[in-house]
Amino acid sequence: MTSRLHLGNKRGRAAIGAAILAMSMALMVGTPARAQTTFDVIGPKEYDLPVNFDPFNVFVQYAYVQDNSKVWSNSGESIVGDGSQALVGLSKYVYFWTPEFNRNVGVAWEIIQPEISVRNSKSQANPDGSQVSGFGDTITGFATWFKPTPASTLGVQSFVQIPIGDTDVSDQTWKNLSSVLWYTPIGSAFDWTGNAGFVWQSSKPSRVQPAMLYHTNNRFGWLATDWLEPFIALDYEYIGAYAGFNEAWSFDGGLGFMIDTFENQWLTLRYSQSLAGKNHSYNDSWNLKYAVVW
């Protein structure tokens, strides 16, 4: 597929921004709001990245609504969950540049501030209902990449999640999220975007040390028109057993589309649902992303 990245116009700058906007979206690993698989916010062409470009800025607002009416049991069955609903926003600023010492490499630094609300509806087990909300733990870090071929990308990213969020929506642990990322066209009309990595967490206030979490996220897109790209999403994560907790894993599938709106803005919409899992939250979410480049 011919790349849509054209550094000399606004539309190209928007495509450049779209390529990396979702980096660092761990979505509050281990917090009360957590339901989705690590890094599952990425979209098609997320890592279709340029090199040798002028610096620019991006702001993006993510939002998702997650229904927790189901959960994966320890035997791998989907059973009734607590019935809560999570509404999460993530506001992100990203700065992109190419270092002067090697303009064949691209670099991005970003900071993300989550906004979280979890609502429990009234039920027999919870007759009064409840709601918690607040600012989640701030995430910041970098990504860097190069192009092994003119149309593909290979890179790494590493982020720190800082436990400074409101008590109700923070698990009070430090986290490092690191992964390898890639992008490659498949023929003339399809592409593959993906990553694979891990999440390390510090000890909790109870002195329990969580196990390492491993994840991979893959997007297979179809460039239907110049402004519309439908895609399939496949996400997987695994968490080892620790401190009396059994191992846990989840495999999710999703369908979505990315559309160009204005010359420097675009929207991505996706629905995701768990397909299989064990001792893990059940993903049932609608996901929206709006971004602007300048």
Protein backbone atom coordinates (compact mmCIF):
# COMPACT_ATOMS: atom_id res chain seq x y z
CA MET A 1 0.00 0.00 0.00
CA THR A 2 1.25 3.47 -0.81
CA SER A 3 1.75 5.43 2.40
CA ARG A 4 -0.58 8.37 3.03
CA LEU A 5 2.15 10.28 4.87
CA HIS A 6 2.99 13.51 3.05
CA LEU A 7 5.04 15.91 5.10
CA GLY A 8 4.30 18.89 2.92
CA ASN A 9 0.57 19.23 3.66
CA LYS A 10 -1.82 19.34 6.64
CA ARG A 11 -3.49 16.07 5.69
CA GLY A 12 -0.13 14.35 5.82
CA ARG A 13 0.62 15.81 9.23
CA ALA A 14 -2.67 14.42 10.50
CA ALA A 15 -1.78 10.98 9.18
CA ILE A 16 1.61 11.19 10.89
CA GLY A 17 -0.09 12.00 14.18
CA ALA A 18 -2.63 9.22 13.78
CA ALA A 19 0.20 6.77 13.42
CA ILE A 20 1.37 7.01 17.02
CA LEU A 21 -1.42 8.56 19.07
CA ALA A 22 -2.30 5.47 21.08
CA MET A 23 1.17 4.73 22.40
CA SER A 24 1.23 4.36 26.22
CA MET A 25 -2.50 3.67 26.63
CA ALA A 26 -2.31 1.00 29.29
CA LEU A 27 -5.75 1.96 30.56
CA MET A 28 -5.01 1.78 34.25
CA VAL A 29 -3.54 -1.69 34.67
CA GLY A 30 -4.63 -3.04 38.02
CA THR A 31 -6.97 -0.19 39.03
CA PRO A 32 -10.67 -0.52 39.87
CA ALA A 33 -11.52 0.85 36.40
CA ARG A 34 -9.50 -1.72 34.53
CA ALA A 35 -11.42 -3.98 32.15
CA GLN A 36 -9.74 -3.72 28.79
CA THR A 37 -6.58 -5.44 27.62
CA THR A 38 -3.35 -3.47 27.86
CA PHE A 39 -2.72 -1.18 24.84
CA ASP A 40 -5.98 -2.21 23.17
CA VAL A 41 -6.69 1.40 22.14
CA ILE A 42 -4.41 1.20 19.12
CA GLY A 43 -5.98 1.46 15.67
CA PRO A 44 -4.99 0.73 12.07
CA LYS A 45 -1.79 2.45 10.91
CA GLU A 46 -1.04 3.38 14.52
CA TYR A 47 2.66 2.76 13.87
CA ASP A 48 2.88 3.81 10.22
CA LEU A 49 5.49 6.38 11.22
CA PRO A 50 7.72 8.79 9.29
CA VAL A 51 11.34 9.83 9.70
CA ASN A 52 13.10 13.07 8.73
CA PHE A 53 10.19 15.42 9.52
CA ASP A 54 9.73 18.81 11.19
CA PRO A 55 8.53 18.80 14.85
CA PHE A 56 4.77 18.96 15.48
CA ASN A 57 2.18 18.53 18.24
CA VAL A 58 -0.89 16.36 18.76
CA PHE A 59 -3.77 16.42 21.22
CA VAL A 60 -6.10 13.44 21.46
CA GLN A 61 -9.13 12.63 23.57
CA TYR A 62 -9.95 8.97 24.07
CA ALA A 63 -13.18 7.74 25.64
CA TYR A 64 -14.70 4.35 26.27
CA VAL A 65 -17.74 2.86 27.98
CA GLN A 66 -17.28 -0.60 29.49
CA ASP A 67 -20.11 -2.88 30.67
CA ASN A 68 -19.06 -5.21 33.51
CA SER A 69 -22.12 -7.45 33.43
CA LYS A 70 -19.87 -10.50 32.81
CA VAL A 71 -16.53 -11.77 34.08
CA TRP A 72 -14.32 -14.76 33.25
CA SER A 73 -14.28 -17.36 36.05
CA ASN A 74 -11.28 -19.38 37.18
CA SER A 75 -12.59 -22.30 35.11
CA GLY A 76 -12.79 -20.21 31.93
CA GLU A 77 -16.56 -19.65 31.91
CA SER A 78 -18.27 -16.27 31.46
CA ILE A 79 -20.37 -15.67 34.57
CA VAL A 80 -22.40 -12.76 35.96
CA GLY A 81 -20.25 -9.78 36.91
CA ASP A 82 -20.92 -6.95 39.34
CA GLY A 83 -23.04 -5.04 36.82
CA SER A 84 -20.94 -1.88 37.05
CA GLN A 85 -20.25 0.47 34.17
CA ALA A 86 -16.92 2.23 33.64
CA LEU A 87 -16.65 5.52 31.76
CA VAL A 88 -13.06 6.49 31.05
CA GLY A 89 -11.52 9.46 29.28
CA LEU A 90 -7.84 9.86 28.48
CA SER A 91 -6.47 13.28 27.53
CA LYS A 92 -3.11 13.13 25.80
CA TYR A 93 -0.48 15.55 24.51
CA VAL A 94 2.29 14.29 22.21
CA TYR A 95 5.39 16.04 20.83
CA PHE A 96 7.09 14.53 17.75
CA TRP A 97 10.57 15.24 16.41
CA THR A 98 13.52 13.80 14.47
CA PRO A 99 16.92 14.10 16.23
CA GLU A 100 19.50 16.10 14.28
CA PHE A 101 22.24 13.50 14.84
CA ASN A 102 20.23 10.87 12.93
CA ARG A 103 17.25 12.02 10.86
CA ASN A 104 16.49 8.41 9.89
CA VAL A 105 15.01 7.95 13.38
CA GLY A 106 11.74 9.35 14.78
CA VAL A 107 11.02 10.13 18.45
CA ALA A 108 7.83 11.02 20.36
CA TRP A 109 7.26 12.04 23.98
CA GLU A 110 3.80 12.08 25.51
CA ILE A 111 1.84 12.58 28.70
CA ILE A 112 -1.64 11.14 29.36
CA GLN A 113 -4.11 12.04 32.09
CA PRO A 114 -6.96 9.55 32.68
CA GLU A 115 -10.40 10.61 33.93
CA ILE A 116 -12.39 7.73 35.44
CA SER A 117 -15.93 7.07 36.64
CA VAL A 118 -17.21 3.65 37.77
CA ARG A 119 -20.91 3.24 38.50
CA ASN A 120 -22.59 0.30 40.21
CA SER A 121 -26.30 0.13 39.49
CA LYS A 122 -28.80 -0.93 42.13
CA SER A 123 -29.23 -4.69 42.49
CA GLN A 124 -30.19 -7.30 45.06
CA ALA A 125 -26.54 -7.61 46.08
CA ASN A 126 -26.02 -3.84 46.00
CA PRO A 127 -29.37 -2.19 46.84
CA ASP A 128 -28.03 1.34 47.22
CA GLY A 129 -25.75 1.43 44.18
CA SER A 130 -22.49 3.36 44.25
CA GLN A 131 -20.15 5.53 42.19
CA VAL A 132 -16.45 6.37 42.34
CA SER A 133 -14.69 8.88 40.13
CA GLY A 134 -11.54 10.94 39.85
CA PHE A 135 -8.28 11.46 38.02
CA GLY A 136 -6.33 8.27 37.36
CA ASP A 137 -2.58 7.69 37.53
CA THR A 138 -0.65 9.86 35.06
CA ILE A 139 1.29 8.10 32.28
CA THR A 140 4.37 9.51 30.53
CA GLY A 141 7.18 8.19 28.35
CA PHE A 142 8.67 7.97 24.88
CA ALA A 143 8.72 6.00 21.65
CA THR A 144 11.40 5.74 18.99
CA TRP A 145 11.42 4.00 15.60
CA PHE A 146 13.11 3.55 12.22
CA LYS A 147 11.99 2.26 8.83
CA PRO A 148 13.56 -1.08 7.80
CA THR A 149 11.85 -0.59 4.42
CA PRO A 150 10.32 2.60 2.95
CA ALA A 151 6.78 1.38 3.76
CA SER A 152 7.29 -0.38 7.13
CA THR A 153 8.11 0.65 10.71
CA LEU A 154 9.91 -1.03 13.62
CA GLY A 155 10.38 0.56 17.02
CA VAL A 156 10.18 0.43 20.81
CA GLN A 157 8.19 2.32 23.43
CA SER A 158 8.51 2.61 27.19
CA PHE A 159 6.28 4.44 29.66
CA VAL A 160 5.95 5.01 33.39
CA GLN A 161 2.59 5.14 35.16
CA ILE A 162 2.92 7.32 38.26
CA PRO A 163 0.67 6.53 41.29
CA ILE A 164 -0.59 10.07 41.90
CA GLY A 165 -4.26 9.56 41.00
CA ASP A 166 -7.25 9.86 43.30
CA THR A 167 -7.40 7.04 45.86
CA ASP A 168 -10.66 5.56 44.58
CA VAL A 169 -9.24 4.99 41.08
CA SER A 170 -5.56 4.26 41.77
CA ASP A 171 -4.00 1.03 42.98
CA GLN A 172 -0.98 3.02 44.30
CA THR A 173 1.70 1.12 42.38
CA TRP A 174 4.36 2.29 39.95
CA LYS A 175 4.32 0.62 36.54
CA ASN A 176 6.63 0.32 33.56
CA LEU A 177 5.02 -0.50 30.21
CA SER A 178 7.49 -1.46 27.49
CA SER A 179 6.92 -3.06 24.10
CA VAL A 180 8.12 -3.57 20.54
CA LEU A 181 5.95 -2.03 17.82
CA TRP A 182 5.62 -2.65 14.07
CA TYR A 183 3.71 -1.74 10.93
CA THR A 184 3.77 -3.33 7.47
CA PRO A 185 1.56 -3.15 4.37
CA ILE A 186 0.02 -6.40 3.13
CA GLY A 187 -0.48 -6.16 -0.61
CA SER A 188 -1.99 -3.00 -2.06
CA ALA A 189 -5.04 -2.50 0.17
CA PHE A 190 -4.35 -4.09 3.58
CA ASP A 191 -1.98 -3.47 6.47
CA TRP A 192 -0.91 -4.98 9.78
CA THR A 193 -0.21 -2.91 12.89
CA GLY A 194 0.93 -4.56 16.10
CA ASN A 195 2.91 -4.57 19.33
CA ALA A 196 4.07 -7.05 21.95
CA GLY A 197 5.39 -6.27 25.40
CA PHE A 198 5.10 -6.43 29.18
CA VAL A 199 3.96 -4.46 32.22
CA TRP A 200 5.99 -4.48 35.44
CA GLN A 201 4.37 -3.27 38.67
CA SER A 202 5.89 -2.29 42.01
CA SER A 203 4.69 -3.80 45.27
CA LYS A 204 1.25 -2.74 46.47
CA PRO A 205 0.78 -0.98 49.84
CA SER A 206 0.00 -4.45 51.24
CA ARG A 207 3.55 -5.45 50.11
CA VAL A 208 2.15 -7.91 47.57
CA GLN A 209 4.26 -7.99 44.41
CA PRO A 210 2.07 -8.44 41.29
CA ALA A 211 3.24 -10.83 38.60
CA MET A 212 4.50 -9.65 35.22
CA LEU A 213 1.82 -8.99 32.62
CA TYR A 214 2.44 -9.85 28.94
CA HIS A 215 0.33 -8.57 26.04
CA THR A 216 0.07 -8.31 22.28
CA ASN A 217 -2.27 -6.18 20.17
CA ASN A 218 -2.88 -6.54 16.43
CA ARG A 219 -4.89 -4.51 13.91
CA PHE A 220 -5.64 -5.66 10.37
CA GLY A 221 -6.94 -2.77 8.29
CA TRP A 222 -8.48 -2.39 4.84
CA LEU A 223 -8.10 0.93 3.04
CA ALA A 224 -11.59 1.05 1.55
CA THR A 225 -11.29 4.69 0.40
CA ASP A 226 -8.97 7.64 0.96
CA TRP A 227 -11.03 8.63 4.02
CA LEU A 228 -12.33 5.30 5.42
CA GLU A 229 -10.42 2.32 6.85
CA PRO A 230 -12.38 -0.53 8.50
CA PHE A 231 -10.31 -2.88 10.68
CA ILE A 232 -10.29 -6.03 12.79
CA ALA A 233 -8.82 -5.87 16.32
CA LEU A 234 -7.29 -8.83 18.19
CA ASP A 235 -5.93 -8.35 21.74
CA TYR A 236 -4.42 -10.80 24.23
CA GLU A 237 -2.84 -10.53 27.67
CA TYR A 238 -1.56 -12.97 30.29
CA ILE A 239 -0.85 -12.39 33.98
CA GLY A 240 1.04 -15.00 35.99
CA ALA A 241 -0.07 -16.39 39.35
CA TYR A 242 1.11 -14.56 42.48
CA ALA A 243 0.36 -14.25 46.21
CA GLY A 244 -2.55 -16.68 46.14
CA PHE A 245 -4.04 -15.28 42.92
CA ASN A 246 -4.38 -17.71 40.02
CA GLU A 247 -3.01 -16.95 36.58
CA ALA A 248 -5.31 -14.92 34.35
CA TRP A 249 -5.67 -14.28 30.62
CA SER A 250 -8.06 -12.82 28.09
CA PHE A 251 -8.43 -12.87 24.30
CA ASP A 252 -10.58 -10.11 22.77
CA GLY A 253 -11.87 -9.36 19.29
CA GLY A 254 -13.20 -6.13 17.86
CA LEU A 255 -14.47 -4.36 14.75
CA GLY A 256 -14.04 -0.68 13.98
CA PHE A 257 -13.31 1.99 11.43
CA MET A 258 -11.13 5.09 11.14
CA ILE A 259 -12.33 8.11 9.16
CA ASP A 260 -10.64 11.35 8.13
CA THR A 261 -12.89 14.29 9.07
CA PHE A 262 -11.03 17.57 8.48
CA GLU A 263 -7.51 18.10 7.14
CA ASN A 264 -5.92 17.92 10.59
CA GLN A 265 -8.49 15.85 12.51
CA TRP A 266 -9.95 12.34 12.49
CA LEU A 267 -12.18 9.90 14.39
CA THR A 268 -11.86 6.19 15.23
CA LEU A 269 -14.76 4.09 16.55
CA ARG A 270 -14.51 0.45 17.69
CA TYR A 271 -16.54 -2.16 19.54
CA SER A 272 -14.61 -4.88 21.43
CA GLN A 273 -15.76 -8.04 23.20
CA SER A 274 -13.97 -10.86 24.99
CA LEU A 275 -13.87 -14.14 23.06
CA ALA A 276 -12.18 -16.33 25.68
CA GLY A 277 -10.53 -15.92 29.06
CA LYS A 278 -9.82 -17.20 32.54
CA ASN A 279 -9.94 -15.42 35.92
CA HIS A 280 -10.08 -12.09 34.09
CA SER A 281 -12.40 -9.16 33.45
CA TYR A 282 -14.72 -9.46 30.43
CA ASN A 283 -14.28 -6.81 27.76
CA ASP A 284 -17.58 -5.38 26.45
CA SER A 285 -16.79 -1.83 25.38
CA TRP A 286 -17.40 0.97 22.90
CA ASN A 287 -14.28 3.00 22.16
CA LEU A 288 -13.94 6.47 20.60
CA LYS A 289 -10.87 8.51 19.65
CA TYR A 290 -10.76 12.14 18.45
CA ALA A 291 -7.45 13.76 17.52
CA VAL A 292 -6.15 17.08 16.23
CA VAL A 293 -2.67 17.89 14.87
CA TRP A 294 -0.89 21.25 14.67
